[in-house]
């Protein structure tokens, strides 16, 4: 049997495991994850009010319950955990599906002021990611600025405008629910440096903002008209054309001034500094931009300040280097040839990548399927050479002998039961456990 370790249990990892066992009946797969919970960004990145997308977990579950697939959670790979060199000794092949673990920064003065966060930190908080280090995001904030015009920016904007009645049925952790329910944020400004035809959100996500109860939408038609494609969007591809049409409709409708929340969609503004008052962020200074005729924008020398006690930057993700693997700092990816890791231009037998660490943070969840399939084809083409490696009988036995105590599938099921019980006790549905201690206590209760 070909033994393969897949590092990462998000969509790219699960699709890799699925493709491996579907295409070859003599492959067994261990899916390892640093977290005790599977599903990656489907669990910890999809907004809690997006139940349909979150239901993808059911599809990923069928992969991890396959008879030739084994989930091993709570296993750190790299410094402080299992070295990548040791992983290569335990498996014929290792496929790294670790995503893009950090955020792009703005690189402007004031970015690190208290009250300024990455959108990913905010998402991790309301998604109960156990690495979340704070819960004080919305304390004292009345106005928020979200920098970026992609789907993550829309998600965090929507969460700031949601009320208790809408958030309570979700699996959001209790502390985040209570904080958002008590939030004093009434104005959210979502700001992009380019025009509406170049925004990265999907039309479905955009339209959701217009359907939020008690929330008015403000769009300035004069600002939109700076985009050459705004007046006549007929030449745009379908997705940006629909976005422009939605924005045109809002721009032509007077906002509801009586609504308790207001979302202001702004364009052609580039952040240049975060301004402080009493040691915390108090406003964002923007420079007005204009199309440069080459698909980009240039500054105009005209500046504007928007009040904000909370700033969330949502300007993209970036991969981080993996111990023992080559890394391209320019792209934030591992160099590869059809998924095979390249070292100094040469293929490294037995090492592969899939997902964002392979291609960069692009595409939607479904994009990971063909990406994983390409890598799996490479693995299976290399099978004859890979099988020459001598392995221990069972890598899990070897890991346990070295002090690793993985959370197996029964442990994950125990976490699920604990979250259901917590929700029932709170008069809600399933409620996520928000910290490492409670997750590990629940996981290991299955072995007591």
Protein backbone atom coordinates (compact mmCIF):
# COMPACT_ATOMS: atom_id res chain seq x y z
CA UNK A 1 0.00 0.00 0.00
CA UNK A 2 1.15 3.53 -0.79
CA UNK A 3 1.10 5.53 2.47
CA UNK A 4 0.47 9.25 2.00
CA UNK A 5 0.38 12.01 4.61
CA UNK A 6 -1.79 14.99 3.73
CA UNK A 7 -0.94 17.99 5.92
CA UNK A 8 -4.05 20.12 6.33
CA UNK A 9 -7.71 19.07 6.57
CA UNK A 10 -9.33 22.00 4.79
CA UNK A 11 -10.94 21.65 1.36
CA UNK A 12 -7.62 21.22 -0.49
CA UNK A 13 -6.47 18.52 1.94
CA UNK A 14 -9.78 16.67 1.88
CA UNK A 15 -10.04 16.83 -1.90
CA UNK A 16 -6.47 15.53 -2.16
CA UNK A 17 -7.28 12.60 0.12
CA UNK A 18 -10.51 11.92 -1.78
CA UNK A 19 -8.79 11.90 -5.16
CA UNK A 20 -6.03 9.61 -3.88
CA UNK A 21 -8.36 6.90 -2.58
CA UNK A 22 -10.75 7.19 -5.51
CA UNK A 23 -8.07 6.84 -8.15
CA UNK A 24 -6.06 4.04 -6.55
CA UNK A 25 -7.41 1.26 -4.33
CA UNK A 26 -3.94 0.62 -2.90
CA UNK A 27 -3.45 4.01 -1.25
CA UNK A 28 -4.00 4.79 2.43
CA UNK A 29 -4.03 8.39 3.63
CA UNK A 30 -3.45 10.06 6.98
CA UNK A 31 -4.82 13.61 7.06
CA UNK A 32 -2.89 15.55 9.69
CA UNK A 33 -3.90 18.93 11.06
CA UNK A 34 -2.43 21.24 13.69
CA UNK A 35 -5.95 21.83 15.04
CA UNK A 36 -8.02 19.14 16.77
CA UNK A 37 -10.91 19.98 14.43
CA UNK A 38 -11.08 19.24 10.69
CA UNK A 39 -12.34 21.30 7.71
CA UNK A 40 -9.95 24.28 7.85
CA UNK A 41 -11.47 27.51 6.57
CA UNK A 42 -14.86 25.87 6.10
CA UNK A 43 -15.07 25.70 9.90
CA UNK A 44 -12.96 28.73 10.75
CA UNK A 45 -13.38 31.07 7.77
CA UNK A 46 -16.90 30.78 6.38
CA UNK A 47 -19.20 33.30 8.08
CA UNK A 48 -21.48 31.70 10.70
CA UNK A 49 -24.62 33.00 8.96
CA UNK A 50 -23.68 31.23 5.70
CA UNK A 51 -25.22 27.88 6.59
CA UNK A 52 -25.34 26.63 3.01
CA UNK A 53 -21.60 27.03 2.48
CA UNK A 54 -20.84 25.67 5.96
CA UNK A 55 -22.84 22.56 5.06
CA UNK A 56 -19.90 21.64 2.81
CA UNK A 57 -18.52 20.12 6.01
CA UNK A 58 -20.88 17.21 5.37
CA UNK A 59 -19.14 16.48 2.06
CA UNK A 60 -15.70 16.75 3.63
CA UNK A 61 -16.86 14.46 6.43
CA UNK A 62 -17.51 11.63 3.97
CA UNK A 63 -13.89 11.91 2.82
CA UNK A 64 -12.47 11.73 6.34
CA UNK A 65 -14.73 8.77 7.21
CA UNK A 66 -13.48 6.72 4.24
CA UNK A 67 -12.07 3.36 5.30
CA UNK A 68 -8.63 4.20 3.87
CA UNK A 69 -8.48 7.74 5.27
CA UNK A 70 -7.54 8.54 8.87
CA UNK A 71 -7.85 11.96 10.56
CA UNK A 72 -5.07 12.87 12.99
CA UNK A 73 -5.75 16.26 14.57
CA UNK A 74 -3.71 18.23 17.05
CA UNK A 75 -0.46 17.32 15.27
CA UNK A 76 1.93 20.20 14.64
CA UNK A 77 4.30 19.78 11.71
CA UNK A 78 7.56 21.70 11.86
CA UNK A 79 9.19 23.58 14.77
CA UNK A 80 7.82 22.42 18.12
CA UNK A 81 6.19 19.38 16.54
CA UNK A 82 6.94 16.60 14.09
CA UNK A 83 9.83 17.69 11.83
CA UNK A 84 9.10 17.51 8.11
CA UNK A 85 12.15 15.25 7.72
CA UNK A 86 10.60 12.79 10.19
CA UNK A 87 7.29 12.90 8.30
CA UNK A 88 9.12 11.87 5.13
CA UNK A 89 10.53 8.86 7.02
CA UNK A 90 7.05 7.74 8.05
CA UNK A 91 5.26 8.03 4.69
CA UNK A 92 5.98 7.28 1.07
CA UNK A 93 4.68 10.73 0.11
CA UNK A 94 3.71 13.93 1.91
CA UNK A 95 1.29 16.45 0.38
CA UNK A 96 1.27 19.87 2.06
CA UNK A 97 -2.13 21.58 1.90
CA UNK A 98 -1.52 24.27 4.51
CA UNK A 99 -3.12 27.28 2.83
CA UNK A 100 -1.98 30.87 3.25
CA UNK A 101 -1.61 31.44 6.96
CA UNK A 102 -1.03 35.17 7.28
CA UNK A 103 -2.45 38.47 6.03
CA UNK A 104 -1.05 41.04 3.69
CA UNK A 105 -0.31 44.31 5.43
CA UNK A 106 -1.04 47.85 4.33
CA UNK A 107 2.45 49.14 5.17
CA UNK A 108 1.19 52.53 6.37
CA UNK A 109 1.76 54.57 9.56
CA UNK A 110 -0.52 53.64 12.45
CA UNK A 111 -1.33 50.16 11.16
CA UNK A 112 -0.42 48.59 14.53
CA UNK A 113 -2.45 50.98 16.69
CA UNK A 114 -4.85 49.41 19.20
CA UNK A 115 -8.18 49.02 17.45
CA UNK A 116 -6.55 48.11 14.12
CA UNK A 117 -6.80 44.43 13.18
CA UNK A 118 -6.63 42.16 10.21
CA UNK A 119 -10.03 40.94 9.06
CA UNK A 120 -8.72 37.40 9.55
CA UNK A 121 -8.23 38.06 13.28
CA UNK A 122 -11.82 39.29 13.50
CA UNK A 123 -13.13 36.29 11.53
CA UNK A 124 -11.13 33.91 13.75
CA UNK A 125 -12.71 35.50 16.83
CA UNK A 126 -16.32 35.12 15.76
CA UNK A 127 -15.54 31.68 14.28
CA UNK A 128 -14.06 30.41 17.59
CA UNK A 129 -10.57 29.68 16.26
CA UNK A 130 -8.58 28.50 19.29
CA UNK A 131 -5.60 30.72 18.43
CA UNK A 132 -7.66 33.90 18.89
CA UNK A 133 -5.83 36.04 21.42
CA UNK A 134 -8.39 38.75 22.16
CA UNK A 135 -12.08 39.49 22.34
CA UNK A 136 -12.05 43.29 22.60
CA UNK A 137 -12.69 44.10 18.93
CA UNK A 138 -15.91 46.11 19.20
CA UNK A 139 -15.52 47.54 22.71
CA UNK A 140 -16.13 51.30 22.61
CA UNK A 141 -16.32 51.47 18.82
CA UNK A 142 -19.06 53.53 17.14
CA UNK A 143 -17.68 53.68 13.61
CA UNK A 144 -15.75 50.98 11.77
CA UNK A 145 -13.70 51.08 8.58
CA UNK A 146 -13.21 47.89 6.58
CA UNK A 147 -10.37 48.28 4.06
CA UNK A 148 -10.94 46.04 1.07
CA UNK A 149 -13.77 45.09 -1.28
CA UNK A 150 -13.64 41.28 -1.44
CA UNK A 151 -15.91 38.65 0.06
CA UNK A 152 -14.10 38.63 3.41
CA UNK A 153 -14.61 42.40 3.64
CA UNK A 154 -18.31 41.89 2.94
CA UNK A 155 -18.48 39.15 5.59
CA UNK A 156 -17.00 41.25 8.39
CA UNK A 157 -19.10 44.26 7.36
CA UNK A 158 -22.23 42.10 7.55
CA UNK A 159 -21.28 40.68 10.96
CA UNK A 160 -20.88 44.20 12.36
CA UNK A 161 -24.40 45.09 11.19
CA UNK A 162 -26.15 41.88 12.27
CA UNK A 163 -28.35 41.83 15.38
CA UNK A 164 -28.76 39.29 18.19
CA UNK A 165 -31.83 37.68 16.65
CA UNK A 166 -29.93 36.93 13.44
CA UNK A 167 -26.70 35.74 15.06
CA UNK A 168 -28.12 33.65 17.91
CA UNK A 169 -29.14 30.69 15.67
CA UNK A 170 -25.57 30.37 14.34
CA UNK A 171 -22.71 28.36 15.90
CA UNK A 172 -20.88 31.57 16.88
CA UNK A 173 -19.18 31.25 20.30
CA UNK A 174 -21.16 32.76 23.16
CA UNK A 175 -18.63 35.47 24.04
CA UNK A 176 -18.50 36.78 20.47
CA UNK A 177 -22.30 36.68 20.22
CA UNK A 178 -22.65 38.69 23.43
CA UNK A 179 -20.04 41.23 22.34
CA UNK A 180 -21.60 41.79 18.90
CA UNK A 181 -25.09 42.00 20.41
CA UNK A 182 -23.86 44.74 22.78
CA UNK A 183 -21.83 46.52 20.08
CA UNK A 184 -22.33 50.26 19.66
CA UNK A 185 -21.07 50.25 16.07
CA UNK A 186 -23.68 52.05 13.97
CA UNK A 187 -21.65 53.00 10.89
CA UNK A 188 -19.49 50.66 8.80
CA UNK A 189 -17.45 52.05 5.89
CA UNK A 190 -16.22 49.45 3.38
CA UNK A 191 -13.54 51.13 1.28
CA UNK A 192 -11.72 50.14 -1.91
CA UNK A 193 -8.82 51.87 -3.63
CA UNK A 194 -10.18 51.11 -7.10
CA UNK A 195 -13.61 51.32 -8.71
CA UNK A 196 -16.77 49.20 -8.48
CA UNK A 197 -16.01 47.32 -11.70
CA UNK A 198 -12.76 46.02 -10.13
CA UNK A 199 -14.18 44.97 -6.77
CA UNK A 200 -13.54 41.32 -5.88
CA UNK A 201 -16.75 40.45 -4.02
CA UNK A 202 -19.36 38.21 -5.61
CA UNK A 203 -22.76 39.65 -6.46
CA UNK A 204 -24.50 37.21 -4.13
CA UNK A 205 -22.42 38.43 -1.17
CA UNK A 206 -22.91 42.06 -2.16
CA UNK A 207 -26.68 41.74 -2.38
CA UNK A 208 -26.80 40.31 1.14
CA UNK A 209 -25.78 43.71 2.50
CA UNK A 210 -28.93 45.22 1.05
CA UNK A 211 -31.13 42.67 2.80
CA UNK A 212 -29.89 43.19 6.35
CA UNK A 213 -32.71 44.17 8.74
CA UNK A 214 -32.43 47.68 10.14
CA UNK A 215 -29.50 48.60 7.91
CA UNK A 216 -29.31 51.40 5.37
CA UNK A 217 -26.93 51.34 2.39
CA UNK A 218 -25.22 54.50 1.18
CA UNK A 219 -23.45 54.67 -2.19
CA UNK A 220 -22.35 57.97 -3.71
CA UNK A 221 -23.17 58.04 -7.45
CA UNK A 222 -20.54 60.74 -8.02
CA UNK A 223 -17.89 58.46 -6.57
CA UNK A 224 -19.06 55.49 -8.63
CA UNK A 225 -19.04 57.53 -11.81
CA UNK A 226 -15.25 57.92 -11.54
CA UNK A 227 -15.14 54.35 -12.91
CA UNK A 228 -15.23 54.48 -16.73
CA UNK A 229 -17.26 51.25 -16.77
CA UNK A 230 -19.92 52.59 -14.40
CA UNK A 231 -21.95 54.56 -16.93
CA UNK A 232 -22.09 51.67 -19.38
CA UNK A 233 -21.16 48.31 -17.77
CA UNK A 234 -22.33 46.25 -20.76
CA UNK A 235 -18.75 45.50 -21.83
CA UNK A 236 -17.77 44.02 -18.47
CA UNK A 237 -17.62 40.28 -17.69
CA UNK A 238 -20.80 38.95 -16.10
CA UNK A 239 -19.74 39.11 -12.43
CA UNK A 240 -18.44 42.70 -12.31
CA UNK A 241 -21.33 43.82 -14.55
CA UNK A 242 -23.84 42.47 -12.02
CA UNK A 243 -21.92 44.13 -9.18
CA UNK A 244 -22.08 47.49 -10.92
CA UNK A 245 -25.79 47.06 -11.59
CA UNK A 246 -26.48 46.38 -7.90
CA UNK A 247 -24.45 49.42 -6.87
CA UNK A 248 -26.24 51.59 -9.46
CA UNK A 249 -29.55 50.55 -7.95
CA UNK A 250 -28.45 51.50 -4.45
CA UNK A 251 -26.95 54.77 -5.63
CA UNK A 252 -30.32 55.72 -7.11
CA UNK A 253 -32.23 54.98 -3.91
CA UNK A 254 -32.23 57.45 -0.97
CA UNK A 255 -30.78 55.76 2.14
CA UNK A 256 -32.99 55.05 5.14
CA UNK A 257 -31.81 57.64 7.65
CA UNK A 258 -33.89 56.04 10.43
CA UNK A 259 -32.07 52.68 10.26
CA UNK A 260 -29.99 51.86 13.37
CA UNK A 261 -27.06 50.70 11.20
CA UNK A 262 -25.58 52.23 8.07
CA UNK A 263 -23.16 50.67 5.59
CA UNK A 264 -21.24 53.13 3.43
CA UNK A 265 -19.66 51.64 0.30
CA UNK A 266 -16.73 53.79 -0.80
CA UNK A 267 -14.45 53.57 -3.84
CA UNK A 268 -11.32 55.22 -5.23
CA UNK A 269 -9.86 55.83 -1.77
CA UNK A 270 -6.39 54.57 -0.80
CA UNK A 271 -5.44 54.39 2.91
CA UNK A 272 -2.30 56.36 3.70
CA UNK A 273 -2.34 56.48 7.52
CA UNK A 274 -4.25 55.45 10.61
CA UNK A 275 -4.65 58.36 13.02
CA UNK A 276 -4.62 58.06 16.81
CA UNK A 277 -6.40 59.68 19.72
CA UNK A 278 -5.52 58.75 23.31
CA UNK A 279 -3.27 55.99 22.01
CA UNK A 280 -5.94 54.21 19.94
CA UNK A 281 -7.05 54.39 16.33
CA UNK A 282 -9.53 57.22 15.82
CA UNK A 283 -9.65 57.75 12.05
CA UNK A 284 -8.25 56.61 8.72
CA UNK A 285 -6.72 59.08 6.29
CA UNK A 286 -7.35 58.25 2.63
CA UNK A 287 -6.07 59.71 -0.60
CA UNK A 288 -8.53 60.03 -3.46
CA UNK A 289 -7.40 57.93 -6.42
CA UNK A 290 -8.29 58.00 -10.10
CA UNK A 291 -8.02 55.41 -12.90
CA UNK A 292 -4.61 55.52 -14.57
CA UNK A 293 -5.82 54.07 -17.87
CA UNK A 294 -3.81 50.85 -17.39
CA UNK A 295 -6.13 49.03 -15.00
CA UNK A 296 -4.66 50.60 -11.88
CA UNK A 297 -5.09 53.86 -10.01
CA UNK A 298 -2.91 56.83 -9.14
CA UNK A 299 -3.11 59.32 -6.30
CA UNK A 300 -4.70 62.72 -6.83
CA UNK A 301 -3.27 64.58 -3.82
CA UNK A 302 -6.76 65.03 -2.37
CA UNK A 303 -7.20 63.57 1.13
CA UNK A 304 -10.15 62.60 3.31
CA UNK A 305 -10.46 61.29 6.86
CA UNK A 306 -13.08 58.80 8.05
CA UNK A 307 -13.72 58.42 11.77
CA UNK A 308 -13.12 54.89 13.05
CA UNK A 309 -12.50 53.33 16.44
CA UNK A 310 -12.25 49.93 14.72
CA UNK A 311 -10.28 49.26 11.53
CA UNK A 312 -10.29 45.87 9.80
CA UNK A 313 -7.89 45.39 6.89
CA UNK A 314 -8.97 42.83 4.32
CA UNK A 315 -6.40 43.11 1.54
CA UNK A 316 -5.49 39.48 0.95
CA UNK A 317 -3.65 36.48 2.36
CA UNK A 318 -0.10 35.27 2.09
CA UNK A 319 1.61 31.91 2.53
CA UNK A 320 4.36 31.46 5.10
CA UNK A 321 7.55 29.36 4.81
CA UNK A 322 7.37 25.73 5.91
CA UNK A 323 10.30 24.26 7.83
CA UNK A 324 12.34 22.07 5.53
CA UNK A 325 10.65 23.18 2.29
CA UNK A 326 11.74 25.73 -0.34
CA UNK A 327 9.72 28.93 -0.46
CA UNK A 328 9.22 31.69 -3.02
CA UNK A 329 9.00 34.91 -1.03
CA UNK A 330 7.71 36.86 -4.03
CA UNK A 331 4.61 34.70 -4.48
CA UNK A 332 4.25 33.29 -0.97
CA UNK A 333 4.16 29.75 -2.38
CA UNK A 334 6.26 26.59 -2.51
CA UNK A 335 7.92 26.16 -5.95
CA UNK A 336 6.47 23.13 -7.73
CA UNK A 337 6.00 21.34 -11.02
CA UNK A 338 2.42 19.99 -11.31
CA UNK A 339 2.38 19.78 -7.51
CA UNK A 340 5.83 18.19 -7.15
CA UNK A 341 8.03 20.29 -4.84
CA UNK A 342 11.02 21.81 -6.63
CA UNK A 343 14.37 22.36 -4.93
CA UNK A 344 16.73 24.51 -6.98
CA UNK A 345 14.71 23.64 -10.06
CA UNK A 346 14.75 19.87 -9.50
CA UNK A 347 11.82 17.69 -8.45
CA UNK A 348 11.92 16.41 -4.86
CA UNK A 349 10.63 12.81 -4.83
CA UNK A 350 7.90 12.26 -2.24
CA UNK A 351 7.08 15.90 -1.49
CA UNK A 352 4.03 17.65 -2.99
CA UNK A 353 1.80 20.68 -2.50
CA UNK A 354 -1.84 21.51 -3.19
CA UNK A 355 -4.14 24.43 -2.45
CA UNK A 356 -3.11 27.99 -1.67
CA UNK A 357 0.47 27.09 -0.70
CA UNK A 358 0.77 25.71 -4.24
CA UNK A 359 -1.01 28.34 -6.34
CA UNK A 360 -1.44 31.37 -4.04
CA UNK A 361 -4.65 32.62 -2.36
CA UNK A 362 -6.88 32.57 -5.42
CA UNK A 363 -10.17 31.01 -6.42
CA UNK A 364 -13.14 29.70 -4.45
CA UNK A 365 -13.54 26.48 -2.45
CA UNK A 366 -14.31 24.50 -5.61
CA UNK A 367 -11.05 25.64 -7.22
CA UNK A 368 -9.26 23.24 -4.88
CA UNK A 369 -10.70 20.18 -6.66
CA UNK A 370 -8.80 20.46 -9.96
CA UNK A 371 -5.75 21.76 -8.07
CA UNK A 372 -5.76 18.66 -5.83
CA UNK A 373 -6.40 16.35 -8.78
CA UNK A 374 -3.34 17.65 -10.64
CA UNK A 375 -1.15 16.98 -7.60
CA UNK A 376 -2.64 13.52 -7.05
CA UNK A 377 -1.89 12.58 -10.67
CA UNK A 378 1.76 13.47 -9.98
CA UNK A 379 1.80 11.38 -6.77
CA UNK A 380 0.33 8.35 -8.50
CA UNK A 381 2.69 8.68 -11.46
CA UNK A 382 5.56 8.51 -8.96
CA UNK A 383 4.19 5.47 -7.10
CA UNK A 384 6.70 2.92 -8.41
CA UNK A 385 9.65 4.99 -7.24
CA UNK A 386 8.03 5.95 -3.94
CA UNK A 387 7.27 2.36 -2.89
CA UNK A 388 11.00 1.54 -2.72
CA UNK A 389 11.17 3.45 0.58
CA UNK A 390 11.07 1.27 3.70
CA UNK A 391 8.52 2.45 6.27
CA UNK A 392 7.53 1.47 9.81
CA UNK A 393 4.42 -0.71 9.99
CA UNK A 394 2.18 2.12 11.17
CA UNK A 395 3.23 5.78 11.35
CA UNK A 396 0.68 6.42 14.12
CA UNK A 397 2.41 3.88 16.37
CA UNK A 398 5.74 5.59 15.69
CA UNK A 399 4.28 9.04 16.41
CA UNK A 400 2.77 7.87 19.67
CA UNK A 401 6.10 6.36 20.71
CA UNK A 402 7.62 9.82 20.19
CA UNK A 403 5.08 11.50 22.49
CA UNK A 404 2.55 12.68 19.89
CA UNK A 405 -1.04 12.24 21.02
CA UNK A 406 -3.25 12.86 18.01
CA UNK A 407 -6.96 13.62 18.14
CA UNK A 408 -8.47 10.83 16.08
CA UNK A 409 -11.94 10.77 14.52
CA UNK A 410 -13.57 9.61 17.76
CA UNK A 411 -12.01 12.64 19.48
CA UNK A 412 -13.46 14.97 16.87
CA UNK A 413 -16.88 13.36 17.33
CA UNK A 414 -16.55 13.99 21.08
CA UNK A 415 -15.90 17.68 20.33
CA UNK A 416 -19.04 17.75 18.20
CA UNK A 417 -21.08 16.26 21.05
CA UNK A 418 -19.65 18.78 23.52
CA UNK A 419 -20.56 21.66 21.21
CA UNK A 420 -24.10 20.34 20.83
CA UNK A 421 -24.42 20.03 24.61
CA UNK A 422 -23.08 23.56 25.12
CA UNK A 423 -25.59 24.95 22.65
CA UNK A 424 -28.46 23.11 24.34
CA UNK A 425 -27.41 24.48 27.73
CA UNK A 426 -27.44 28.02 26.27
CA UNK A 427 -30.78 27.58 24.54
CA UNK A 428 -29.12 27.72 21.13
CA UNK A 429 -28.14 25.21 18.45
CA UNK A 430 -24.57 23.95 18.19
CA UNK A 431 -22.15 26.46 19.80
CA UNK A 432 -18.43 26.18 19.09
CA UNK A 433 -15.89 25.63 21.84
CA UNK A 434 -13.61 28.67 21.58
CA UNK A 435 -10.27 27.66 23.13
CA UNK A 436 -7.60 24.97 23.06
CA UNK A 437 -8.27 23.72 26.58
CA UNK A 438 -11.98 23.08 26.11
CA UNK A 439 -11.40 21.47 22.71
CA UNK A 440 -8.70 19.12 23.97
CA UNK A 441 -10.65 18.26 27.13
CA UNK A 442 -13.63 17.32 24.97
CA UNK A 443 -11.51 15.39 22.48
CA UNK A 444 -9.73 13.30 25.07
CA UNK A 445 -12.93 12.62 27.00
CA UNK A 446 -13.64 10.03 24.29
CA UNK A 447 -10.67 7.97 25.51
CA UNK A 448 -11.40 8.18 29.22
